Amino acid sequence: MSRKFVVLVKEFEDGHPTLIVEPHEDLGLPDDKRVSIRFPKGTTYDQAQDLARILNKTASSIEVINW
């Protein structure tokens, strides 16, 4: 089974790394919205990249659910 998303690291204006989930299927979000994970101050790009690699290797799905 192939993954239907990829987790990327982006740095925004503040230079702070953020994980962005780029779906390859409809998650039910508006087109201009993405799932993101922000890190505490002091987190490095390499640390964020390590987590992105782990998620890309091990997570089978990312979903928007009712809570």
C-alpha atoms as a PDB file:
ATOM      1  CA  MET A   1       0.000   0.000   0.000  1.00  0.00           C
ATOM      2  CA  SER A   2       1.407   3.383  -0.939  1.00  0.00           C
ATOM      3  CA  ARG A   3       1.254   6.395   1.332  1.00  0.00           C
ATOM      4  CA  LYS A   4      -1.207   9.079   0.362  1.00  0.00           C
ATOM      5  CA  PHE A   5       0.801  11.949   1.842  1.00  0.00           C
ATOM      6  CA  VAL A   6       4.300  13.287   2.320  1.00  0.00           C
ATOM      7  CA  VAL A   7       5.607  15.205   5.335  1.00  0.00           C
ATOM      8  CA  LEU A   8       7.896  18.119   4.430  1.00  0.00           C
ATOM      9  CA  VAL A   9       9.895  20.611   6.478  1.00  0.00           C
ATOM     10  CA  LYS A  10       9.339  24.264   5.626  1.00  0.00           C
ATOM     11  CA  GLU A  11      10.874  27.359   7.151  1.00  0.00           C
ATOM     12  CA  PHE A  12       8.666  30.428   7.198  1.00  0.00           C
ATOM     13  CA  GLU A  13       9.470  34.115   7.693  1.00  0.00           C
ATOM     14  CA  ASP A  14      10.633  33.610  11.262  1.00  0.00           C
ATOM     15  CA  GLY A  15      13.141  30.925  10.185  1.00  0.00           C
ATOM     16  CA  HIS A  16      11.426  28.405  12.447  1.00  0.00           C
ATOM     17  CA  PRO A  17      10.989  24.870  11.022  1.00  0.00           C
ATOM     18  CA  THR A  18       7.447  23.593  10.565  1.00  0.00           C
ATOM     19  CA  LEU A  19       6.243  20.189   9.372  1.00  0.00           C
ATOM     20  CA  ILE A  20       3.664  20.380   6.599  1.00  0.00           C
ATOM     21  CA  VAL A  21       1.588  17.391   5.509  1.00  0.00           C
ATOM     22  CA  GLU A  22       1.064  17.443   1.741  1.00  0.00           C
ATOM     23  CA  PRO A  23      -1.833  15.070   0.994  1.00  0.00           C
ATOM     24  CA  HIS A  24      -2.027  13.060  -2.214  1.00  0.00           C
ATOM     25  CA  GLU A  25      -5.754  12.560  -1.631  1.00  0.00           C
ATOM     26  CA  ASP A  26      -8.684  14.610  -0.351  1.00  0.00           C
ATOM     27  CA  LEU A  27      -8.584  14.892   3.447  1.00  0.00           C
ATOM     28  CA  GLY A  28     -11.712  17.011   3.599  1.00  0.00           C
ATOM     29  CA  LEU A  29      -9.806  20.250   4.174  1.00  0.00           C
ATOM     30  CA  PRO A  30     -10.288  23.401   2.099  1.00  0.00           C
ATOM     31  CA  ASP A  31      -7.701  23.690  -0.689  1.00  0.00           C
ATOM     32  CA  ASP A  32      -5.865  26.509   1.108  1.00  0.00           C
ATOM     33  CA  LYS A  33      -5.456  24.574   4.395  1.00  0.00           C
ATOM     34  CA  ARG A  34      -2.799  22.033   5.431  1.00  0.00           C
ATOM     35  CA  VAL A  35      -2.014  20.041   8.534  1.00  0.00           C
ATOM     36  CA  SER A  36       1.121  21.463  10.172  1.00  0.00           C
ATOM     37  CA  ILE A  37       3.220  20.827  13.262  1.00  0.00           C
ATOM     38  CA  ARG A  38       5.046  23.746  14.885  1.00  0.00           C
ATOM     39  CA  PHE A  39       8.006  23.183  17.191  1.00  0.00           C
ATOM     40  CA  PRO A  40       9.168  25.030  20.289  1.00  0.00           C
ATOM     41  CA  LYS A  41      11.762  27.765  19.948  1.00  0.00           C
ATOM     42  CA  GLY A  42      15.249  26.309  19.587  1.00  0.00           C
ATOM     43  CA  THR A  43      14.198  23.339  17.440  1.00  0.00           C
ATOM     44  CA  THR A  44      16.618  22.966  14.541  1.00  0.00           C
ATOM     45  CA  TYR A  45      15.842  22.238  10.907  1.00  0.00           C
ATOM     46  CA  ASP A  46      17.727  18.938  11.253  1.00  0.00           C
ATOM     47  CA  GLN A  47      15.575  17.879  14.215  1.00  0.00           C
ATOM     48  CA  ALA A  48      12.422  18.655  12.252  1.00  0.00           C
ATOM     49  CA  GLN A  49      13.819  16.771   9.248  1.00  0.00           C
ATOM     50  CA  ASP A  50      14.486  13.712  11.460  1.00  0.00           C
ATOM     51  CA  LEU A  51      10.831  13.655  12.542  1.00  0.00           C
ATOM     52  CA  ALA A  52       9.627  14.117   8.956  1.00  0.00           C
ATOM     53  CA  ARG A  53      11.756  11.122   7.892  1.00  0.00           C
ATOM     54  CA  ILE A  54      10.302   8.984  10.691  1.00  0.00           C
ATOM     55  CA  LEU A  55       6.727   9.938   9.782  1.00  0.00           C
ATOM     56  CA  ASN A  56       7.339   9.328   6.083  1.00  0.00           C
ATOM     57  CA  LYS A  57       8.772   5.870   6.854  1.00  0.00           C
ATOM     58  CA  THR A  58       6.296   4.697   9.495  1.00  0.00           C
ATOM     59  CA  ALA A  59       2.923   6.483   9.313  1.00  0.00           C
ATOM     60  CA  SER A  60       0.395   4.745   7.083  1.00  0.00           C
ATOM     61  CA  SER A  61      -2.240   7.488   7.081  1.00  0.00           C
ATOM     62  CA  ILE A  62      -3.001  10.980   8.265  1.00  0.00           C
ATOM     63  CA  GLU A  63      -6.668  11.767   8.668  1.00  0.00           C
ATOM     64  CA  VAL A  64      -8.980  14.554   9.731  1.00  0.00           C
ATOM     65  CA  ILE A  65     -11.353  13.023  12.274  1.00  0.00           C
ATOM     66  CA  ASN A  66     -14.256  14.174  14.412  1.00  0.00           C
ATOM     67  CA  TRP A  67     -13.165  14.430  18.021  1.00  0.00           C
END
